[in-house]
Amino acid sequence: MIVISYILFAIYCIALTYITCFCFLQFHLLYFYKKHHFQKAKNPTLPLEKLPDDLPFVTIQLPIFNEQYVVERLVDQITQLDYPKDKFEIHLLDDSTDETIEISRKKVAEYKAKGFNIELIHRTDRSGYKAGALKAAMSRAKGNFIAIFDADFLPRTDFLKATIPYFNNPKIGLVQTRWEHINESYSVLTRLQAMQLNVHFTVEQQGRKAGNCLLQFNGTAGVWRRSCIEDAGGWEADTLTEDLDLSYRAQLKGWDISYLEKFGSPAELPAEMNGLKSQQFRWMKGGAENARKLLPTVWKSDLTTRKKLHATGHLMGSGVFICIFISAIISVPLVSTLHVVGIDLRFMGIFLLGLPAILAVYYVANVQAELENQPFLKKLIKFIFLFPVFLALSMGLSLHNTIAVIQGYLGKQSPFVRTPKFNIKNIKDTFKKQQYLGRKISWTTLLEGFLSLYFLGGILWGLHIEESTFLPFHTMLMIGFGSICYYSVRHVSFK
């Protein structure tokens, strides 16, 4: 019993150490982020050069798959871009297998008749998924610059005029814009997603840029220099996050990425739990796949040690969910064995330092950053309410994401499961009765329900033996896993 207790406690401490290191790396990015904005306030940057009279030709690629609810609004929005018709072409890369393809054909024909240079490129094999579609379409692209938008995006009309000037610097291979959320206020689920994405598109992206670290293309709402794509080796489909892969390979080749924090590109957030889970699975597994693929090259490169450290933390960031899950599972038996270990619990306080660090990151990204035109007090109250809920649901996703990360590290292949969108913009819209909803309850959902009961047992046992050390942790885990299970079942279509 003593040996088992020490082993469990050691594993628990290792998991917490990983989580704490992750939080400290995030806090370091916050330092770069705040330093950048402090310096910018003291020395505002000069305006960019104006667009030349002879505008460059741009190819706009729109990769989609079975998106009947949003494909029309996507094409309608792209044709509204404030850029001369003879200076851009639109390639709708539609690999759909349902009625979306007919909707696409009609929409392309409509805008061809209006004088737009628009083409439908349809594949029937879907090899390589999104990366395969982008790679196959490159031979048809005429532009020296390639703008990419996913199906759920509604770019601003001045998108090209705002991004193209950054390519005056010949070292810039990519310009990435910040994601905005057209349906953030739809539900608690969309608000929580917005909270996490706001961190990525402020502290993480701008922090990495300000700290001269490697950052990433987010798969959409960005413009590539064509020669950069080609020099980096082109699109590859051996990971589920081809965007992260190509952006790292480009930077390792010496190209720079320009990130525009203050220029937003509106998009729709997943409105239902199973769509969110498919997106999380793809991102978490893709991150692990890229860590497996790219880390040896990163560490062999001539990057500085700091750059290598942050690149490692970036690529292995999804591994934090494994540690959250392990620490959660082990914490229940530790309720009974803490007294056996005999460690002064004040020693564990060092692991609590990660909480204020990550709290500061989320506070800055969601309250201080000027992303919403709302009064400070309203943003603060919303943050105080949502942050604990966000932590609970993040813990609840740890089983699902742990499976994804382990598969990524082991090299297990799986298909690219896209996240369906339903044209959800406000509270009056609904995804119920729509196609693309899941048709069955997965075994992980059932296990999430069991884990909610498991942590309820941990709470009751702790109260019974008067050991309250893990009570807040187990309460959040019970709520997190229970909520994930509940909404996963509720958002299944049984028709």
Protein backbone atom coordinates (compact mmCIF):
# COMPACT_ATOMS: atom_id res chain seq x y z
CA MET A 1 0.00 0.00 0.00
CA ILE A 2 2.84 2.40 0.86
CA VAL A 3 4.68 1.66 -2.40
CA ILE A 4 1.52 2.13 -4.47
CA SER A 5 0.78 5.39 -2.67
CA TYR A 6 4.22 6.79 -3.46
CA ILE A 7 4.00 5.69 -7.10
CA LEU A 8 0.59 7.36 -7.52
CA PHE A 9 1.81 10.51 -5.83
CA ALA A 10 4.94 10.61 -8.03
CA ILE A 11 2.88 10.24 -11.22
CA TYR A 12 0.50 12.92 -9.98
CA CYS A 13 3.38 15.32 -9.34
CA ILE A 14 4.91 14.65 -12.77
CA ALA A 15 1.58 15.41 -14.45
CA LEU A 16 1.17 18.61 -12.42
CA THR A 17 4.74 19.63 -13.29
CA TYR A 18 3.96 19.37 -17.03
CA ILE A 19 0.77 21.42 -16.56
CA THR A 20 2.62 24.06 -14.53
CA CYS A 21 5.39 24.35 -17.14
CA PHE A 22 2.75 24.79 -19.83
CA CYS A 23 1.15 27.59 -17.80
CA PHE A 24 4.52 29.31 -17.27
CA LEU A 25 5.25 29.20 -21.01
CA GLN A 26 1.87 30.81 -21.63
CA PHE A 27 2.72 33.48 -19.06
CA HIS A 28 6.02 34.11 -20.86
CA LEU A 29 4.05 34.74 -24.06
CA LEU A 30 1.90 37.14 -22.05
CA TYR A 31 5.06 39.01 -21.08
CA PHE A 32 6.01 39.38 -24.77
CA TYR A 33 2.45 40.41 -25.61
CA LYS A 34 2.27 43.13 -22.98
CA LYS A 35 5.76 44.36 -23.84
CA HIS A 36 4.75 44.62 -27.50
CA HIS A 37 1.68 46.72 -26.70
CA PHE A 38 3.61 48.90 -24.24
CA GLN A 39 6.24 49.65 -26.87
CA LYS A 40 3.58 50.19 -29.52
CA ALA A 41 1.83 52.74 -27.29
CA LYS A 42 5.10 54.64 -26.85
CA ASN A 43 6.14 54.38 -30.50
CA PRO A 44 3.15 53.92 -32.81
CA THR A 45 4.14 52.17 -36.02
CA LEU A 46 4.19 54.16 -39.22
CA PRO A 47 1.39 53.46 -41.70
CA LEU A 48 2.04 50.86 -44.34
CA GLU A 49 2.91 51.78 -47.85
CA LYS A 50 -0.10 52.32 -50.02
CA LEU A 51 -1.17 49.64 -52.42
CA PRO A 52 0.53 50.06 -55.78
CA ASP A 53 -1.54 51.15 -58.75
CA ASP A 54 -0.69 47.83 -60.40
CA LEU A 55 -2.31 45.48 -57.89
CA PRO A 56 -0.99 41.91 -57.75
CA PHE A 57 -3.18 39.06 -58.97
CA VAL A 58 -4.61 36.92 -56.15
CA THR A 59 -6.07 33.42 -56.21
CA ILE A 60 -8.74 32.85 -53.56
CA GLN A 61 -9.14 29.21 -52.59
CA LEU A 62 -12.29 28.05 -50.77
CA PRO A 63 -11.88 24.40 -49.66
CA ILE A 64 -15.23 22.90 -48.60
CA PHE A 65 -16.81 19.51 -47.99
CA ASN A 66 -20.55 18.96 -47.46
CA GLU A 67 -21.40 22.51 -46.37
CA GLN A 68 -24.85 23.08 -47.84
CA TYR A 69 -25.88 25.57 -45.15
CA VAL A 70 -23.00 28.02 -45.56
CA VAL A 71 -21.51 27.63 -49.06
CA GLU A 72 -23.83 30.23 -50.63
CA ARG A 73 -23.09 32.91 -48.06
CA LEU A 74 -19.36 32.17 -48.40
CA VAL A 75 -19.32 32.75 -52.16
CA ASP A 76 -21.61 35.78 -51.83
CA GLN A 77 -19.21 37.32 -49.31
CA ILE A 78 -16.05 36.62 -51.33
CA THR A 79 -17.52 38.34 -54.38
CA GLN A 80 -18.00 41.48 -52.27
CA LEU A 81 -14.24 41.94 -51.79
CA ASP A 82 -13.13 45.46 -52.61
CA TYR A 83 -10.58 44.43 -55.22
CA PRO A 84 -10.72 44.78 -59.01
CA LYS A 85 -12.48 41.85 -60.68
CA ASP A 86 -9.62 41.37 -63.11
CA LYS A 87 -7.10 41.08 -60.27
CA PHE A 88 -8.43 37.99 -58.51
CA GLU A 89 -9.88 34.59 -59.22
CA ILE A 90 -12.05 32.40 -57.00
CA HIS A 91 -11.52 28.66 -56.87
CA LEU A 92 -14.27 26.82 -55.01
CA LEU A 93 -12.59 23.54 -54.03
CA ASP A 94 -15.66 21.43 -53.41
CA ASP A 95 -15.10 17.75 -52.58
CA SER A 96 -18.71 17.33 -51.43
CA THR A 97 -20.66 14.11 -51.70
CA ASP A 98 -24.12 15.54 -50.98
CA GLU A 99 -26.36 18.29 -52.39
CA THR A 100 -23.72 20.90 -51.61
CA ILE A 101 -22.09 20.24 -54.98
CA GLU A 102 -25.23 21.26 -56.86
CA ILE A 103 -25.58 24.40 -54.75
CA SER A 104 -21.95 25.20 -55.57
CA ARG A 105 -22.47 24.69 -59.31
CA LYS A 106 -25.43 27.06 -59.37
CA LYS A 107 -23.59 29.68 -57.33
CA VAL A 108 -20.51 29.55 -59.54
CA ALA A 109 -22.66 29.83 -62.67
CA GLU A 110 -24.48 32.83 -61.15
CA TYR A 111 -21.29 34.78 -60.55
CA LYS A 112 -19.67 33.74 -63.81
CA ALA A 113 -22.61 35.37 -65.52
CA LYS A 114 -21.87 38.53 -63.53
CA GLY A 115 -18.32 38.66 -64.86
CA PHE A 116 -16.42 37.13 -61.97
CA ASN A 117 -13.41 34.88 -62.59
CA ILE A 118 -14.76 31.95 -60.58
CA GLU A 119 -14.31 28.22 -61.04
CA LEU A 120 -15.60 25.07 -59.36
CA ILE A 121 -12.92 22.42 -58.81
CA HIS A 122 -14.52 19.14 -57.77
CA ARG A 123 -12.68 15.97 -56.77
CA THR A 124 -14.39 12.63 -56.31
CA ASP A 125 -11.70 10.77 -54.35
CA ARG A 126 -10.99 13.36 -51.58
CA SER A 127 -7.45 12.01 -51.20
CA GLY A 128 -5.45 14.03 -48.70
CA TYR A 129 -8.64 15.76 -47.54
CA LYS A 130 -8.21 19.55 -47.21
CA ALA A 131 -4.44 19.43 -47.80
CA GLY A 132 -5.02 17.28 -50.86
CA ALA A 133 -7.58 19.72 -52.26
CA LEU A 134 -5.25 22.70 -51.74
CA LYS A 135 -2.31 20.86 -53.28
CA ALA A 136 -4.27 19.66 -56.31
CA ALA A 137 -5.62 23.16 -56.97
CA MET A 138 -2.20 24.83 -56.97
CA SER A 139 -1.61 23.86 -60.60
CA ARG A 140 -4.80 25.76 -61.55
CA ALA A 141 -3.91 28.88 -59.56
CA LYS A 142 -2.67 31.89 -61.53
CA GLY A 143 -1.96 34.21 -58.62
CA ASN A 144 1.37 34.89 -56.95
CA PHE A 145 -0.61 35.23 -53.73
CA ILE A 146 -3.04 32.63 -52.39
CA ALA A 147 -5.83 33.65 -49.99
CA ILE A 148 -7.61 30.79 -48.19
CA PHE A 149 -10.99 30.80 -46.44
CA ASP A 150 -12.89 27.93 -44.84
CA ALA A 151 -16.62 27.54 -45.42
CA ASP A 152 -17.71 29.31 -42.23
CA PHE A 153 -15.80 32.57 -42.84
CA LEU A 154 -17.18 35.93 -43.89
CA PRO A 155 -14.11 38.08 -44.61
CA ARG A 156 -14.34 41.85 -44.56
CA THR A 157 -14.56 43.55 -47.93
CA ASP A 158 -11.17 45.24 -47.40
CA PHE A 159 -9.39 41.96 -46.58
CA LEU A 160 -7.08 41.89 -49.60
CA LYS A 161 -6.28 45.60 -49.47
CA ALA A 162 -5.41 45.25 -45.77
CA THR A 163 -3.16 42.20 -46.13
CA ILE A 164 -1.39 42.52 -49.48
CA PRO A 165 0.76 45.58 -48.46
CA TYR A 166 2.61 43.43 -45.89
CA PHE A 167 4.17 41.50 -48.76
CA ASN A 168 6.21 44.59 -49.63
CA ASN A 169 8.67 42.92 -47.27
CA PRO A 170 10.15 40.11 -49.42
CA LYS A 171 10.74 37.92 -46.35
CA ILE A 172 7.02 37.74 -45.52
CA GLY A 173 5.61 34.43 -46.70
CA LEU A 174 2.24 34.57 -44.95
CA VAL A 175 -0.12 37.16 -43.52
CA GLN A 176 -2.55 35.76 -40.92
CA THR A 177 -5.56 37.65 -39.54
CA ARG A 178 -7.39 37.22 -36.25
CA TRP A 179 -10.60 35.22 -36.10
CA GLU A 180 -13.78 36.97 -34.94
CA HIS A 181 -16.93 35.15 -33.87
CA ILE A 182 -20.26 35.99 -35.49
CA ASN A 183 -22.22 33.72 -33.12
CA GLU A 184 -20.29 34.11 -29.87
CA SER A 185 -23.42 35.07 -27.91
CA TYR A 186 -25.44 32.09 -29.19
CA SER A 187 -24.85 29.89 -26.12
CA VAL A 188 -22.52 29.23 -23.22
CA LEU A 189 -20.73 26.70 -25.46
CA THR A 190 -19.92 29.31 -28.12
CA ARG A 191 -18.90 31.86 -25.47
CA LEU A 192 -16.42 29.39 -23.99
CA GLN A 193 -14.94 28.63 -27.41
CA ALA A 194 -14.55 32.34 -28.06
CA MET A 195 -12.76 32.71 -24.73
CA GLN A 196 -10.17 30.09 -25.68
CA LEU A 197 -9.73 31.33 -29.24
CA ASN A 198 -9.28 34.90 -28.02
CA VAL A 199 -6.25 33.71 -26.06
CA HIS A 200 -4.78 32.08 -29.14
CA PHE A 201 -5.37 35.10 -31.37
CA THR A 202 -3.98 37.63 -28.91
CA VAL A 203 -1.51 36.39 -26.28
CA GLU A 204 -0.32 33.32 -28.20
CA GLN A 205 -0.09 34.56 -31.78
CA GLN A 206 0.92 38.15 -31.05
CA GLY A 207 3.09 37.02 -28.12
CA ARG A 208 5.01 34.60 -30.31
CA LYS A 209 5.41 37.25 -32.98
CA ALA A 210 6.60 39.84 -30.46
CA GLY A 211 8.98 37.33 -28.87
CA ASN A 212 10.40 36.36 -32.26
CA CYS A 213 9.15 32.79 -31.86
CA LEU A 214 7.61 30.47 -34.44
CA LEU A 215 3.89 31.03 -34.96
CA GLN A 216 1.35 29.38 -37.21
CA PHE A 217 -1.09 29.65 -40.05
CA ASN A 218 -4.58 28.91 -38.75
CA GLY A 219 -5.80 27.18 -41.89
CA THR A 220 -7.98 30.06 -43.03
CA ALA A 221 -8.29 33.87 -43.13
CA GLY A 222 -4.72 34.26 -44.33
CA VAL A 223 -2.77 35.00 -47.51
CA TRP A 224 0.29 33.03 -48.64
CA ARG A 225 3.02 34.09 -51.00
CA ARG A 226 2.96 31.33 -53.60
CA SER A 227 6.75 31.05 -53.75
CA CYS A 228 6.80 30.50 -49.99
CA ILE A 229 4.42 27.53 -50.25
CA GLU A 230 6.56 26.03 -53.00
CA ASP A 231 9.86 26.68 -51.22
CA ALA A 232 8.57 25.05 -48.02
CA GLY A 233 7.63 21.87 -49.90
CA GLY A 234 3.94 22.50 -50.51
CA TRP A 235 0.89 21.09 -48.79
CA GLU A 236 1.33 17.67 -47.16
CA ALA A 237 -1.47 15.44 -45.92
CA ASP A 238 0.43 13.32 -43.38
CA THR A 239 -1.03 15.26 -40.43
CA LEU A 240 -4.54 16.49 -39.61
CA THR A 241 -3.29 20.06 -39.18
CA GLU A 242 -1.62 20.74 -42.50
CA ASP A 243 -1.72 24.47 -41.72
CA LEU A 244 0.56 24.16 -38.67
CA ASP A 245 2.86 21.82 -40.60
CA LEU A 246 3.37 24.12 -43.59
CA SER A 247 3.80 27.26 -41.50
CA TYR A 248 6.56 25.63 -39.42
CA ARG A 249 8.34 24.28 -42.51
CA ALA A 250 8.16 27.74 -44.10
CA GLN A 251 9.67 29.45 -41.05
CA LEU A 252 12.41 26.83 -40.78
CA LYS A 253 13.23 27.76 -44.38
CA GLY A 254 13.72 31.38 -43.33
CA TRP A 255 10.32 32.89 -44.18
CA ASP A 256 8.51 35.22 -41.78
CA ILE A 257 4.83 35.34 -40.84
CA SER A 258 3.06 38.64 -40.30
CA TYR A 259 0.20 38.49 -37.81
CA LEU A 260 -2.55 41.13 -37.81
CA GLU A 261 -4.09 41.14 -34.34
CA LYS A 262 -6.21 44.20 -35.00
CA PHE A 263 -7.71 42.96 -38.27
CA GLY A 264 -10.56 40.52 -37.65
CA SER A 265 -12.06 37.94 -39.98
CA PRO A 266 -15.56 36.90 -38.85
CA ALA A 267 -16.42 33.20 -38.67
CA GLU A 268 -18.99 30.83 -37.20
CA LEU A 269 -18.16 28.82 -34.09
CA PRO A 270 -19.40 25.21 -33.73
CA ALA A 271 -22.81 25.46 -32.09
CA GLU A 272 -23.19 21.84 -30.99
CA MET A 273 -21.03 19.63 -28.80
CA ASN A 274 -20.19 16.82 -31.21
CA GLY A 275 -19.03 19.29 -33.86
CA LEU A 276 -16.82 20.94 -31.27
CA LYS A 277 -15.44 17.54 -30.26
CA SER A 278 -14.58 16.66 -33.86
CA GLN A 279 -12.77 20.00 -34.19
CA GLN A 280 -10.91 19.47 -30.91
CA PHE A 281 -9.93 15.94 -31.95
CA ARG A 282 -8.50 17.19 -35.24
CA TRP A 283 -6.58 20.03 -33.61
CA MET A 284 -5.23 17.95 -30.70
CA LYS A 285 -4.24 14.96 -32.80
CA GLY A 286 -2.81 17.17 -35.54
CA GLY A 287 -0.69 19.01 -32.98
CA ALA A 288 0.71 15.72 -31.68
CA GLU A 289 1.36 14.50 -35.24
CA ASN A 290 3.27 17.67 -36.00
CA ALA A 291 5.28 17.36 -32.79
CA ARG A 292 6.28 13.87 -33.90
CA LYS A 293 7.09 15.09 -37.39
CA LEU A 294 8.72 18.48 -36.79
CA LEU A 295 10.41 18.46 -33.38
CA PRO A 296 13.54 16.60 -34.56
CA THR A 297 14.01 19.22 -37.29
CA VAL A 298 13.33 22.07 -34.87
CA TRP A 299 15.95 20.88 -32.40
CA LYS A 300 18.52 20.25 -35.14
CA SER A 301 17.98 23.73 -36.59
CA ASP A 302 20.04 26.84 -35.83
CA LEU A 303 17.16 28.48 -33.93
CA THR A 304 17.99 29.96 -30.55
CA THR A 305 17.34 27.85 -27.45
CA ARG A 306 14.43 30.11 -26.48
CA LYS A 307 12.83 29.67 -29.90
CA LYS A 308 13.28 25.91 -29.69
CA LEU A 309 11.78 25.84 -26.20
CA HIS A 310 8.68 27.78 -27.25
CA ALA A 311 8.33 25.75 -30.45
CA THR A 312 8.45 22.59 -28.35
CA GLY A 313 5.84 23.96 -25.97
CA HIS A 314 3.69 24.98 -28.94
CA LEU A 315 3.87 21.63 -30.72
CA MET A 316 3.46 19.62 -27.53
CA GLY A 317 0.80 21.88 -26.05
CA SER A 318 -1.97 19.35 -26.69
CA GLY A 319 -0.12 16.95 -24.37
CA VAL A 320 -1.36 19.01 -21.43
CA PHE A 321 -4.69 17.18 -21.74
CA ILE A 322 -2.99 13.85 -21.08
CA CYS A 323 -1.57 15.29 -17.86
CA ILE A 324 -4.93 16.77 -16.86
CA PHE A 325 -6.59 13.41 -17.39
CA ILE A 326 -3.90 11.44 -15.55
CA SER A 327 -3.88 13.82 -12.57
CA ALA A 328 -7.68 13.69 -12.45
CA ILE A 329 -7.89 9.89 -12.41
CA ILE A 330 -5.13 9.49 -9.83
CA SER A 331 -6.52 12.20 -7.54
CA VAL A 332 -9.43 9.99 -6.41
CA PRO A 333 -7.32 7.19 -4.88
CA LEU A 334 -5.01 9.87 -3.49
CA VAL A 335 -7.90 11.03 -1.30
CA SER A 336 -7.33 7.88 0.77
CA THR A 337 -3.54 7.69 0.50
CA LEU A 338 -2.33 11.26 1.10
CA HIS A 339 -1.79 10.48 4.77
CA VAL A 340 0.29 7.41 3.78
CA VAL A 341 2.65 9.53 1.67
CA GLY A 342 3.10 11.93 4.56
CA ILE A 343 3.98 14.93 2.39
CA ASP A 344 3.27 18.38 3.81
CA LEU A 345 0.48 19.65 1.55
CA ARG A 346 2.02 23.13 1.59
CA PHE A 347 4.62 21.62 -0.75
CA MET A 348 1.85 21.17 -3.32
CA GLY A 349 1.31 24.92 -3.37
CA ILE A 350 4.02 25.28 -5.99
CA PHE A 351 1.70 23.65 -8.51
CA LEU A 352 -0.96 26.27 -7.79
CA LEU A 353 1.29 28.94 -9.30
CA GLY A 354 0.14 27.86 -12.74
CA LEU A 355 -3.44 28.92 -11.96
CA PRO A 356 -2.80 32.68 -11.52
CA ALA A 357 -0.51 32.53 -14.56
CA ILE A 358 -3.19 31.08 -16.81
CA LEU A 359 -5.82 33.31 -15.18
CA ALA A 360 -3.76 36.36 -16.15
CA VAL A 361 -3.45 35.12 -19.74
CA TYR A 362 -7.21 34.65 -20.11
CA TYR A 363 -7.99 37.91 -18.34
CA VAL A 364 -5.79 39.94 -20.68
CA ALA A 365 -7.11 38.20 -23.80
CA ASN A 366 -10.79 38.47 -22.89
CA VAL A 367 -11.04 41.62 -20.78
CA GLN A 368 -8.09 43.92 -21.49
CA ALA A 369 -7.68 43.19 -25.20
CA GLU A 370 -9.95 45.48 -27.20
CA LEU A 371 -11.76 42.76 -29.13
CA GLU A 372 -15.31 43.75 -28.26
CA ASN A 373 -16.90 47.19 -28.11
CA GLN A 374 -18.29 46.60 -24.62
CA PRO A 375 -17.90 48.43 -21.29
CA PHE A 376 -15.03 47.15 -19.16
CA LEU A 377 -17.32 46.19 -16.27
CA LYS A 378 -19.54 44.07 -18.52
CA LYS A 379 -16.52 42.21 -19.90
CA LEU A 380 -15.15 41.70 -16.40
CA ILE A 381 -18.41 40.27 -15.02
CA LYS A 382 -18.74 37.96 -18.01
CA PHE A 383 -15.17 36.77 -17.50
CA ILE A 384 -15.66 36.13 -13.77
CA PHE A 385 -18.65 33.94 -14.57
CA LEU A 386 -17.25 32.11 -17.59
CA PHE A 387 -13.66 31.36 -16.55
CA PRO A 388 -14.52 28.69 -13.91
CA VAL A 389 -16.98 27.13 -16.35
CA PHE A 390 -14.28 27.15 -19.02
CA LEU A 391 -11.86 25.33 -16.69
CA ALA A 392 -14.51 22.72 -15.84
CA LEU A 393 -15.40 22.00 -19.48
CA SER A 394 -11.72 21.91 -20.47
CA MET A 395 -11.21 19.23 -17.82
CA GLY A 396 -14.29 17.44 -19.15
CA LEU A 397 -12.75 17.31 -22.63
CA SER A 398 -9.54 15.77 -21.30
CA LEU A 399 -10.57 12.14 -22.03
CA HIS A 400 -11.60 12.92 -25.60
CA ASN A 401 -8.50 15.01 -26.26
CA THR A 402 -6.17 12.53 -24.55
CA ILE A 403 -7.27 9.83 -27.00
CA ALA A 404 -6.58 12.21 -29.90
CA VAL A 405 -3.11 13.14 -28.62
CA ILE A 406 -2.07 9.54 -27.95
CA GLN A 407 -3.18 8.53 -31.44
CA GLY A 408 -1.16 11.42 -32.85
CA TYR A 409 2.01 10.45 -30.99
CA LEU A 410 1.59 6.80 -31.97
CA GLY A 411 1.11 7.70 -35.63
CA LYS A 412 -2.34 6.12 -35.92
CA GLN A 413 -4.01 7.29 -39.11
CA SER A 414 -7.57 8.61 -39.12
CA PRO A 415 -9.72 10.55 -41.60
CA PHE A 416 -10.10 14.32 -41.60
CA VAL A 417 -13.51 14.81 -39.98
CA ARG A 418 -14.65 18.32 -40.77
CA THR A 419 -16.66 20.40 -38.31
CA PRO A 420 -20.11 21.05 -39.82
CA LYS A 421 -21.56 24.57 -39.72
CA PHE A 422 -25.26 25.44 -39.77
CA ASN A 423 -25.39 29.17 -40.58
CA ILE A 424 -25.88 30.01 -36.90
CA LYS A 425 -25.66 33.75 -36.29
CA ASN A 426 -27.98 34.57 -33.40
CA ILE A 427 -30.18 33.01 -30.74
CA LYS A 428 -33.12 32.64 -33.16
CA ASP A 429 -31.15 30.24 -35.37
CA THR A 430 -31.06 26.51 -34.68
CA PHE A 431 -29.06 23.48 -35.72
CA LYS A 432 -31.81 21.07 -34.66
CA LYS A 433 -33.45 19.08 -37.46
CA GLN A 434 -30.41 19.83 -39.63
CA GLN A 435 -28.29 17.30 -41.45
CA TYR A 436 -24.68 16.64 -40.35
CA LEU A 437 -25.61 16.05 -36.70
CA GLY A 438 -24.13 12.88 -35.19
CA ARG A 439 -26.29 9.77 -35.43
CA LYS A 440 -24.98 7.73 -32.51
CA ILE A 441 -23.57 8.02 -29.03
CA SER A 442 -19.86 7.19 -28.91
CA TRP A 443 -18.21 5.02 -26.28
CA THR A 444 -16.18 8.02 -25.12
CA THR A 445 -19.42 9.86 -24.34
CA LEU A 446 -20.58 6.95 -22.19
CA LEU A 447 -17.21 6.90 -20.44
CA GLU A 448 -17.47 10.64 -19.82
CA GLY A 449 -20.77 9.99 -18.05
CA PHE A 450 -19.14 7.28 -15.94
CA LEU A 451 -16.26 9.59 -15.05
CA SER A 452 -18.71 12.21 -13.81
CA LEU A 453 -20.03 9.60 -11.37
CA TYR A 454 -16.45 8.56 -10.54
CA PHE A 455 -15.60 12.08 -9.39
CA LEU A 456 -18.90 12.36 -7.54
CA GLY A 457 -17.73 9.28 -5.65
CA GLY A 458 -14.42 11.03 -4.95
CA ILE A 459 -16.32 14.01 -3.49
CA LEU A 460 -18.52 11.85 -1.27
CA TRP A 461 -15.60 9.74 -0.08
CA GLY A 462 -13.54 12.82 0.72
CA LEU A 463 -16.40 14.28 2.77
CA HIS A 464 -16.82 10.94 4.54
CA ILE A 465 -13.18 10.72 5.66
CA GLU A 466 -12.95 14.51 6.17
CA GLU A 467 -10.28 14.99 3.48
CA SER A 468 -11.16 18.15 1.54
CA THR A 469 -7.89 18.69 -0.36
CA PHE A 470 -9.33 17.58 -3.71
CA LEU A 471 -12.90 18.77 -3.18
CA PRO A 472 -12.76 21.81 -5.57
CA PHE A 473 -10.86 19.77 -8.19
CA HIS A 474 -13.30 16.85 -8.07
CA THR A 475 -16.30 19.18 -8.17
CA MET A 476 -15.06 20.82 -11.37
CA LEU A 477 -14.26 17.42 -12.89
CA MET A 478 -17.71 16.08 -12.05
CA ILE A 479 -19.37 19.14 -13.62
CA GLY A 480 -17.03 19.09 -16.61
CA PHE A 481 -17.41 15.44 -17.57
CA GLY A 482 -21.12 15.49 -16.78
CA SER A 483 -21.71 18.53 -19.00
CA ILE A 484 -19.70 17.11 -21.90
CA CYS A 485 -21.64 13.84 -21.68
CA TYR A 486 -25.01 15.58 -21.39
CA TYR A 487 -24.55 17.88 -24.38
CA SER A 488 -22.96 15.12 -26.48
CA VAL A 489 -26.12 13.04 -26.03
CA ARG A 490 -28.47 16.00 -26.38
CA HIS A 491 -26.90 17.06 -29.69
CA VAL A 492 -27.21 13.64 -31.31
CA SER A 493 -29.89 13.25 -33.97
CA PHE A 494 -31.81 10.02 -33.44
CA LYS A 495 -33.81 10.40 -36.65
